[in-house]
């Protein structure tokens, strides 16, 4: 089994932001390669009859308040001082995810992902607005208009759909999800367990 961490990823989850930087550290500590697989969280939810925790537990007293407090403690523990809930949440991430696929055809997606998570979860931008999208990526040193145009490429659209269905077929029901070989780990709370697995079982 190779030392590779596959991150089933969508910018739309605040926990994907929190997990990304934590998992980067795990990859560095363990010598694993981090691979990003862009998927549509909405498509995963639809295919698995799942829904966001804030909707899923809306009727449970105190549950969502605890989710928010837990994220605050996670940020405090890991030094994530710039994280903030996006004021436009939930944001439709179709443009972001298609552009991620397009960018990844010829590039390592790391630079794109790091720029995008900051736009979403540090700067609080409405990234489903095409004008905001183009300006944000131009300001970050990318070809924003080129990325936007690439989101309409039929091959890009098909690849994102295939990634999403492939994740569902492997048992993914939400994001952040990770694979080490065939072993799936779900949620930022199980990243430490995944690190142990890499060190002792891979």
Foldseek 3Di string as FASTA:
>chain_A
DAQEKEWADDLQDLLRLLQVVVVVVLCVVLVGHYHYQYAFQVLLCVVVVHDDPCVVCVPPPPPVVVVVVVVVVSCVVVVVPQFDAQPVPRARRLLVRLLLLVVVVPDRSVLSVVLSNCVVTRVNDRCVDLVRQQVSVVVSVHRSVVSNVSSPPPVSVVSRVVSHVVCVVLPDRGPRWIDDDSDIDHTSVCSVVVSVCSVPPD
